[in-house]
PDB file of N, CA and C in Angstrom:
ATOM      1  N   MET A   1     123.805  82.397  55.173  1.00  0.00           N
ATOM      2  CA  MET A   1     124.284  81.500  54.992  1.00  0.00           C
ATOM      3  C   MET A   1     125.765  81.695  53.894  1.00  0.00           C
ATOM      4  N   THR A   2     125.649  82.326  53.321  1.00  0.00           N
ATOM      5  CA  THR A   2     126.538  82.184  52.019  1.00  0.00           C
ATOM      6  C   THR A   2     127.956  82.745  52.617  1.00  0.00           C
ATOM      7  N   ASN A   3     127.843  83.688  53.504  1.00  0.00           N
ATOM      8  CA  ASN A   3     128.941  84.281  54.488  1.00  0.00           C
ATOM      9  C   ASN A   3     129.857  82.830  55.097  1.00  0.00           C
ATOM     10  N   ILE A   4     128.837  81.966  55.277  1.00  0.00           N
ATOM     11  CA  ILE A   4     129.536  80.795  56.054  1.00  0.00           C
ATOM     12  C   ILE A   4     130.138  79.758  54.716  1.00  0.00           C
ATOM     13  N   LEU A   5     129.868  80.104  53.470  1.00  0.00           N
ATOM     14  CA  LEU A   5     130.279  79.080  52.270  1.00  0.00           C
ATOM     15  C   LEU A   5     131.498  79.712  51.953  1.00  0.00           C
ATOM     16  N   LYS A   6     132.091  80.688  52.439  1.00  0.00           N
ATOM     17  CA  LYS A   6     133.374  81.454  51.837  1.00  0.00           C
ATOM     18  C   LYS A   6     134.333  80.957  53.257  1.00  0.00           C
ATOM     19  N   HIS A   7     133.943  80.313  54.053  1.00  0.00           N
ATOM     20  CA  HIS A   7     135.262  79.948  55.300  1.00  0.00           C
ATOM     21  C   HIS A   7     134.992  78.624  54.933  1.00  0.00           C
ATOM     22  N   ASN A   8     136.238  77.848  55.358  1.00  0.00           N
ATOM     23  CA  ASN A   8     136.296  76.236  54.950  1.00  0.00           C
ATOM     24  C   ASN A   8     135.966  75.467  56.188  1.00  0.00           C
ATOM     25  N   LEU A   9     135.653  76.109  57.344  1.00  0.00           N
ATOM     26  CA  LEU A   9     135.121  75.684  58.633  1.00  0.00           C
ATOM     27  C   LEU A   9     135.198  76.422  59.530  1.00  0.00           C
ATOM     28  N   CYS A  10     134.127  76.332  60.096  1.00  0.00           N
ATOM     29  CA  CYS A  10     133.024  76.723  61.108  1.00  0.00           C
ATOM     30  C   CYS A  10     133.091  76.365  62.455  1.00  0.00           C
ATOM     31  N   THR A  11     133.148  76.783  63.528  1.00  0.00           N
ATOM     32  CA  THR A  11     133.102  75.786  64.830  1.00  0.00           C
ATOM     33  C   THR A  11     130.921  76.478  64.650  1.00  0.00           C
ATOM     34  N   PHE A  12     130.793  75.600  65.508  1.00  0.00           N
ATOM     35  CA  PHE A  12     129.169  75.461  65.617  1.00  0.00           C
ATOM     36  C   PHE A  12     128.689  76.711  66.442  1.00  0.00           C
ATOM     37  N   ILE A  13     129.382  77.329  67.416  1.00  0.00           N
ATOM     38  CA  ILE A  13     129.176  78.900  67.722  1.00  0.00           C
ATOM     39  C   ILE A  13     129.594  80.163  66.907  1.00  0.00           C
ATOM     40  N   GLU A  14     130.306  79.682  65.996  1.00  0.00           N
ATOM     41  CA  GLU A  14     130.467  80.957  64.719  1.00  0.00           C
ATOM     42  C   GLU A  14     129.054  80.606  64.003  1.00  0.00           C
ATOM     43  N   ILE A  15     128.437  79.670  63.726  1.00  0.00           N
ATOM     44  CA  ILE A  15     127.397  79.144  62.566  1.00  0.00           C
ATOM     45  C   ILE A  15     126.030  79.821  63.744  1.00  0.00           C
ATOM     46  N   VAL A  16     126.220  79.633  64.784  1.00  0.00           N
ATOM     47  CA  VAL A  16     124.861  80.067  65.945  1.00  0.00           C
ATOM     48  C   VAL A  16     124.845  81.523  65.873  1.00  0.00           C
ATOM     49  N   GLU A  17     125.707  81.951  66.031  1.00  0.00           N
ATOM     50  CA  GLU A  17     125.859  83.746  65.997  1.00  0.00           C
ATOM     51  C   GLU A  17     125.800  84.095  64.404  1.00  0.00           C
ATOM     52  N   HIS A  18     126.120  83.745  63.437  1.00  0.00           N
ATOM     53  CA  HIS A  18     125.868  83.890  62.246  1.00  0.00           C
ATOM     54  C   HIS A  18     124.227  84.014  61.751  1.00  0.00           C
ATOM     55  N   LEU A  19     123.929  82.671  62.121  1.00  0.00           N
ATOM     56  CA  LEU A  19     122.303  82.594  62.057  1.00  0.00           C
ATOM     57  C   LEU A  19     121.551  83.416  62.798  1.00  0.00           C
ATOM     58  N   HIS A  20     122.103  83.867  64.102  1.00  0.00           N
ATOM     59  CA  HIS A  20     121.217  84.590  65.008  1.00  0.00           C
ATOM     60  C   HIS A  20     119.705  83.239  65.240  1.00  0.00           C
ATOM     61  N   LYS A  21     119.789  82.264  65.294  1.00  0.00           N
ATOM     62  CA  LYS A  21     118.818  81.236  65.770  1.00  0.00           C
ATOM     63  C   LYS A  21     119.356  80.737  67.189  1.00  0.00           C
ATOM     64  N   ALA A  22     118.560  80.031  67.660  1.00  0.00           N
ATOM     65  CA  ALA A  22     118.793  78.994  68.949  1.00  0.00           C
ATOM     66  C   ALA A  22     119.679  77.999  68.869  1.00  0.00           C
ATOM     67  N   ALA A  23     120.710  77.963  69.729  1.00  0.00           N
ATOM     68  CA  ALA A  23     121.582  76.543  69.229  1.00  0.00           C
ATOM     69  C   ALA A  23     120.890  75.545  69.116  1.00  0.00           C
ATOM     70  N   SER A  24     119.801  75.063  70.145  1.00  0.00           N
ATOM     71  CA  SER A  24     118.465  73.979  69.700  1.00  0.00           C
ATOM     72  C   SER A  24     118.564  73.570  67.968  1.00  0.00           C
ATOM     73  N   THR A  25     117.908  74.996  67.650  1.00  0.00           N
ATOM     74  CA  THR A  25     117.964  74.916  66.122  1.00  0.00           C
ATOM     75  C   THR A  25     118.494  74.759  64.724  1.00  0.00           C
ATOM     76  N   VAL A  26     119.578  75.119  65.499  1.00  0.00           N
ATOM     77  CA  VAL A  26     121.244  75.202  64.621  1.00  0.00           C
ATOM     78  C   VAL A  26     121.222  73.766  64.853  1.00  0.00           C
ATOM     79  N   SER A  27     121.258  72.706  65.938  1.00  0.00           N
ATOM     80  CA  SER A  27     121.761  71.911  66.086  1.00  0.00           C
ATOM     81  C   SER A  27     121.327  70.629  64.962  1.00  0.00           C
ATOM     82  N   TRP A  28     119.573  71.020  65.485  1.00  0.00           N
ATOM     83  CA  TRP A  28     118.696  69.974  64.867  1.00  0.00           C
ATOM     84  C   TRP A  28     119.185  70.130  63.081  1.00  0.00           C
ATOM     85  N   HIS A  29     119.263  70.902  62.640  1.00  0.00           N
ATOM     86  CA  HIS A  29     119.540  71.288  61.076  1.00  0.00           C
ATOM     87  C   HIS A  29     120.977  70.621  60.829  1.00  0.00           C
ATOM     88  N   LEU A  30     122.197  71.191  61.542  1.00  0.00           N
ATOM     89  CA  LEU A  30     122.837  70.234  61.202  1.00  0.00           C
ATOM     90  C   LEU A  30     123.206  69.071  61.739  1.00  0.00           C
ATOM     91  N   LYS A  31     122.193  68.250  62.257  1.00  0.00           N
ATOM     92  CA  LYS A  31     122.275  67.092  62.233  1.00  0.00           C
ATOM     93  C   LYS A  31     121.878  66.712  60.876  1.00  0.00           C
ATOM     94  N   ARG A  32     120.618  66.795  60.474  1.00  0.00           N
ATOM     95  CA  ARG A  32     120.257  66.479  59.231  1.00  0.00           C
ATOM     96  C   ARG A  32     121.011  66.834  57.960  1.00  0.00           C
ATOM     97  N   LEU A  33     121.764  67.792  57.979  1.00  0.00           N
ATOM     98  CA  LEU A  33     122.447  68.258  56.751  1.00  0.00           C
ATOM     99  C   LEU A  33     123.775  67.482  56.612  1.00  0.00           C
ATOM    100  N   LYS A  34     124.146  67.024  58.223  1.00  0.00           N
ATOM    101  CA  LYS A  34     125.701  65.384  58.000  1.00  0.00           C
ATOM    102  C   LYS A  34     124.592  64.307  57.414  1.00  0.00           C
ATOM    103  N   LYS A  35     123.663  64.020  58.013  1.00  0.00           N
ATOM    104  CA  LYS A  35     123.043  62.877  57.675  1.00  0.00           C
ATOM    105  C   LYS A  35     123.049  63.050  56.327  1.00  0.00           C
ATOM    106  N   ALA A  36     122.816  64.199  55.152  1.00  0.00           N
ATOM    107  CA  ALA A  36     122.419  64.003  53.646  1.00  0.00           C
ATOM    108  C   ALA A  36     123.851  64.129  53.165  1.00  0.00           C
ATOM    109  N   GLY A  37     124.480  64.177  54.017  1.00  0.00           N
ATOM    110  CA  GLY A  37     125.955  64.295  53.324  1.00  0.00           C
ATOM    111  C   GLY A  37     126.369  65.722  52.583  1.00  0.00           C
ATOM    112  N   LEU A  38     126.162  66.870  53.538  1.00  0.00           N
ATOM    113  CA  LEU A  38     125.853  68.118  52.493  1.00  0.00           C
ATOM    114  C   LEU A  38     127.380  68.777  53.078  1.00  0.00           C
ATOM    115  N   ILE A  39     127.054  68.172  54.949  1.00  0.00           N
ATOM    116  CA  ILE A  39     128.419  68.825  55.704  1.00  0.00           C
ATOM    117  C   ILE A  39     129.115  67.342  56.407  1.00  0.00           C
ATOM    118  N   SER A  40     130.493  68.129  56.761  1.00  0.00           N
ATOM    119  CA  SER A  40     130.971  67.075  57.518  1.00  0.00           C
ATOM    120  C   SER A  40     131.642  67.471  59.121  1.00  0.00           C
ATOM    121  N   VAL A  41     131.491  66.818  60.330  1.00  0.00           N
ATOM    122  CA  VAL A  41     131.954  67.168  61.235  1.00  0.00           C
ATOM    123  C   VAL A  41     133.390  66.778  61.594  1.00  0.00           C
ATOM    124  N   LYS A  42     134.454  67.425  62.425  1.00  0.00           N
ATOM    125  CA  LYS A  42     135.632  67.057  62.526  1.00  0.00           C
ATOM    126  C   LYS A  42     135.969  67.484  63.874  1.00  0.00           C
ATOM    127  N   TYR A  43     136.313  66.805  64.826  1.00  0.00           N
ATOM    128  CA  TYR A  43     136.101  67.243  66.356  1.00  0.00           C
ATOM    129  C   TYR A  43     137.819  67.300  66.563  1.00  0.00           C
ATOM    130  N   GLY A  44     137.898  68.433  67.066  1.00  0.00           N
ATOM    131  CA  GLY A  44     139.673  69.050  66.980  1.00  0.00           C
ATOM    132  C   GLY A  44     139.144  69.723  68.665  1.00  0.00           C
ATOM    133  N   GLY A  45     139.793  68.840  69.854  1.00  0.00           N
ATOM    134  CA  GLY A  45     139.864  69.615  71.046  1.00  0.00           C
ATOM    135  C   GLY A  45     138.480  69.785  71.731  1.00  0.00           C
ATOM    136  N   GLU A  46     138.339  70.686  71.843  1.00  0.00           N
ATOM    137  CA  GLU A  46     136.802  71.116  72.520  1.00  0.00           C
ATOM    138  C   GLU A  46     135.852  71.724  71.564  1.00  0.00           C
ATOM    139  N   TYR A  47     136.260  71.886  70.066  1.00  0.00           N
ATOM    140  CA  TYR A  47     135.337  72.189  69.133  1.00  0.00           C
ATOM    141  C   TYR A  47     135.032  71.482  68.361  1.00  0.00           C
ATOM    142  N   GLN A  48     133.785  71.484  67.769  1.00  0.00           N
ATOM    143  CA  GLN A  48     133.320  70.736  66.544  1.00  0.00           C
ATOM    144  C   GLN A  48     133.401  71.636  65.175  1.00  0.00           C
ATOM    145  N   LEU A  49     134.090  70.917  64.813  1.00  0.00           N
ATOM    146  CA  LEU A  49     134.381  72.345  62.964  1.00  0.00           C
ATOM    147  C   LEU A  49     133.619  71.180  61.781  1.00  0.00           C
ATOM    148  N   TYR A  50     132.648  72.555  61.843  1.00  0.00           N
ATOM    149  CA  TYR A  50     131.641  71.447  60.280  1.00  0.00           C
ATOM    150  C   TYR A  50     132.366  72.421  58.984  1.00  0.00           C
ATOM    151  N   GLN A  51     132.121  71.571  58.202  1.00  0.00           N
ATOM    152  CA  GLN A  51     132.635  72.048  56.442  1.00  0.00           C
ATOM    153  C   GLN A  51     131.742  71.229  55.613  1.00  0.00           C
ATOM    154  N   ILE A  52     131.422  71.984  54.858  1.00  0.00           N
ATOM    155  CA  ILE A  52     130.615  72.181  53.952  1.00  0.00           C
ATOM    156  C   ILE A  52     131.307  71.127  52.562  1.00  0.00           C
ATOM    157  N   MET A  53     130.673  70.049  52.218  1.00  0.00           N
ATOM    158  CA  MET A  53     131.522  69.181  51.232  1.00  0.00           C
ATOM    159  C   MET A  53     131.328  69.310  49.604  1.00  0.00           C
ATOM    160  N   ASN A  54     130.346  69.915  49.690  1.00  0.00           N
ATOM    161  CA  ASN A  54     130.375  70.484  48.298  1.00  0.00           C
ATOM    162  C   ASN A  54     129.632  71.553  48.213  1.00  0.00           C
ATOM    163  N   PRO A  55     130.693  72.816  47.899  1.00  0.00           N
ATOM    164  CA  PRO A  55     129.931  74.321  48.152  1.00  0.00           C
ATOM    165  C   PRO A  55     129.158  74.616  47.297  1.00  0.00           C
ATOM    166  N   GLY A  56     129.767  74.201  45.874  1.00  0.00           N
ATOM    167  CA  GLY A  56     129.117  74.302  44.502  1.00  0.00           C
ATOM    168  C   GLY A  56     127.957  74.022  44.587  1.00  0.00           C
ATOM    169  N   LEU A  57     127.209  72.893  45.306  1.00  0.00           N
ATOM    170  CA  LEU A  57     126.207  72.515  44.647  1.00  0.00           C
ATOM    171  C   LEU A  57     124.796  72.719  45.996  1.00  0.00           C
ATOM    172  N   VAL A  58     125.535  73.648  47.523  1.00  0.00           N
ATOM    173  CA  VAL A  58     125.097  74.190  48.140  1.00  0.00           C
ATOM    174  C   VAL A  58     124.594  75.355  47.875  1.00  0.00           C
ATOM    175  N   ALA A  59     125.341  76.191  47.176  1.00  0.00           N
ATOM    176  CA  ALA A  59     125.230  77.872  46.795  1.00  0.00           C
ATOM    177  C   ALA A  59     124.433  77.472  45.718  1.00  0.00           C
ATOM    178  N   ASP A  60     123.940  76.202  44.837  1.00  0.00           N
ATOM    179  CA  ASP A  60     123.422  76.236  44.035  1.00  0.00           C
ATOM    180  C   ASP A  60     121.972  75.911  44.514  1.00  0.00           C
ATOM    181  N   ILE A  61     121.924  75.258  45.231  1.00  0.00           N
ATOM    182  CA  ILE A  61     120.593  75.498  45.969  1.00  0.00           C
ATOM    183  C   ILE A  61     119.977  76.309  46.655  1.00  0.00           C
ATOM    184  N   LEU A  62     120.998  76.959  47.425  1.00  0.00           N
ATOM    185  CA  LEU A  62     120.411  78.599  48.312  1.00  0.00           C
ATOM    186  C   LEU A  62     119.865  79.605  47.055  1.00  0.00           C
ATOM    187  N   TYR A  63     120.853  79.300  45.781  1.00  0.00           N
ATOM    188  CA  TYR A  63     120.355  80.406  44.885  1.00  0.00           C
ATOM    189  C   TYR A  63     119.019  80.113  44.156  1.00  0.00           C
ATOM    190  N   ASN A  64     118.964  78.281  44.260  1.00  0.00           N
ATOM    191  CA  ASN A  64     117.622  78.216  43.415  1.00  0.00           C
ATOM    192  C   ASN A  64     116.277  78.441  44.232  1.00  0.00           C
ATOM    193  N   TYR A  65     116.551  78.377  45.748  1.00  0.00           N
ATOM    194  CA  TYR A  65     115.082  78.401  46.703  1.00  0.00           C
ATOM    195  C   TYR A  65     115.126  79.456  47.410  1.00  0.00           C
ATOM    196  N   LYS A  66     116.471  80.405  47.113  1.00  0.00           N
ATOM    197  CA  LYS A  66     115.947  81.585  47.725  1.00  0.00           C
ATOM    198  C   LYS A  66     114.927  82.632  47.236  1.00  0.00           C
ATOM    199  N   GLU A  67     113.814  82.539  48.346  1.00  0.00           N
ATOM    200  CA  GLU A  67     113.423  83.611  48.314  1.00  0.00           C
ATOM    201  C   GLU A  67     113.333  85.138  47.572  1.00  0.00           C
ATOM    202  N   SER A  68     112.893  85.561  46.178  1.00  0.00           N
ATOM    203  CA  SER A  68     112.943  86.516  45.848  1.00  0.00           C
ATOM    204  C   SER A  68     112.614  87.902  46.404  1.00  0.00           C
ATOM    205  N   PHE A  69     112.892  89.078  46.055  1.00  0.00           N
ATOM    206  CA  PHE A  69     112.813  90.281  46.858  1.00  0.00           C
ATOM    207  C   PHE A  69     110.900  90.381  46.853  1.00  0.00           C
ATOM    208  N   LEU A  70     110.785  89.686  45.132  1.00  0.00           N
ATOM    209  CA  LEU A  70     109.096  90.298  44.996  1.00  0.00           C
ATOM    210  C   LEU A  70     108.509  89.254  45.677  1.00  0.00           C
ATOM    211  N   ASP A  71     108.515  87.968  45.775  1.00  0.00           N
ATOM    212  CA  ASP A  71     108.059  87.210  46.737  1.00  0.00           C
ATOM    213  C   ASP A  71     107.922  87.386  47.809  1.00  0.00           C
ATOM    214  N   ALA A  72     108.932  88.016  48.205  1.00  0.00           N
ATOM    215  CA  ALA A  72     109.166  88.594  50.087  1.00  0.00           C
ATOM    216  C   ALA A  72     108.026  89.650  50.643  1.00  0.00           C
ATOM    217  N   ALA A  73     108.272  90.619  49.148  1.00  0.00           N
ATOM    218  CA  ALA A  73     107.337  92.055  49.455  1.00  0.00           C
ATOM    219  C   ALA A  73     105.701  91.194  49.468  1.00  0.00           C
ATOM    220  N   VAL A  74     105.414  90.389  48.490  1.00  0.00           N
ATOM    221  CA  VAL A  74     103.849  89.473  48.408  1.00  0.00           C
ATOM    222  C   VAL A  74     103.880  88.925  49.636  1.00  0.00           C
ATOM    223  N   ASN A  75     104.598  88.755  50.277  1.00  0.00           N
ATOM    224  CA  ASN A  75     104.324  87.466  51.495  1.00  0.00           C
ATOM    225  C   ASN A  75     104.262  88.443  52.340  1.00  0.00           C
ATOM    226  N   ASN A  76     105.124  89.672  52.376  1.00  0.00           N
ATOM    227  CA  ASN A  76     104.683  90.224  53.644  1.00  0.00           C
ATOM    228  C   ASN A  76     103.383  91.173  53.813  1.00  0.00           C
ATOM    229  N   TYR A  77     103.065  91.809  52.506  1.00  0.00           N
ATOM    230  CA  TYR A  77     101.898  92.359  52.354  1.00  0.00           C
ATOM    231  C   TYR A  77     100.864  91.413  52.577  1.00  0.00           C
ATOM    232  N   THR A  78     100.874  90.115  52.402  1.00  0.00           N
ATOM    233  CA  THR A  78      99.436  89.233  52.597  1.00  0.00           C
ATOM    234  C   THR A  78      99.674  88.878  54.045  1.00  0.00           C
ATOM    235  N   GLN A  79     100.544  89.140  54.617  1.00  0.00           N
ATOM    236  CA  GLN A  79     100.781  89.161  56.275  1.00  0.00           C
ATOM    237  C   GLN A  79     100.000  90.049  56.814  1.00  0.00           C
ATOM    238  N   ILE A  80     100.450  91.525  56.287  1.00  0.00           N
ATOM    239  CA  ILE A  80      99.775  92.370  56.775  1.00  0.00           C
ATOM    240  C   ILE A  80      98.376  92.636  56.604  1.00  0.00           C
ATOM    241  N   VAL A  81      97.685  92.322  55.593  1.00  0.00           N
ATOM    242  CA  VAL A  81      96.272  92.001  55.064  1.00  0.00           C
ATOM    243  C   VAL A  81      95.829  91.449  56.083  1.00  0.00           C
ATOM    244  N   GLU A  82      96.541  90.199  56.311  1.00  0.00           N
ATOM    245  CA  GLU A  82      95.686  89.038  56.868  1.00  0.00           C
ATOM    246  C   GLU A  82      95.567  89.770  58.942  1.00  0.00           C
ATOM    247  N   GLU A  83      96.575  90.043  58.983  1.00  0.00           N
ATOM    248  CA  GLU A  83      96.758  90.722  60.491  1.00  0.00           C
ATOM    249  C   GLU A  83      95.569  92.216  61.139  1.00  0.00           C
ATOM    250  N   LEU A  84      95.050  92.543  60.049  1.00  0.00           N
ATOM    251  CA  LEU A  84      93.800  93.782  60.069  1.00  0.00           C
ATOM    252  C   LEU A  84      92.294  92.755  60.671  1.00  0.00           C
TER     253      LEU A  84
END
């Protein structure tokens, strides 16, 4: 998502391709982000263009809630143990 923050406007297709998620999943999240006022949608011809309203705030949120490397390692180890 941080790469998307560097762009001023992104199409729905660009976001889906970047996130490697189903279009329906991306759509669900984008609707909630728009409702929360974090993104805006501009309609230009056949494309919907998405823009982050406050990139600094979004970057701070991502930084504060990003899983640390140690957290990821512990979670992966725990999952492996549980699957045994």
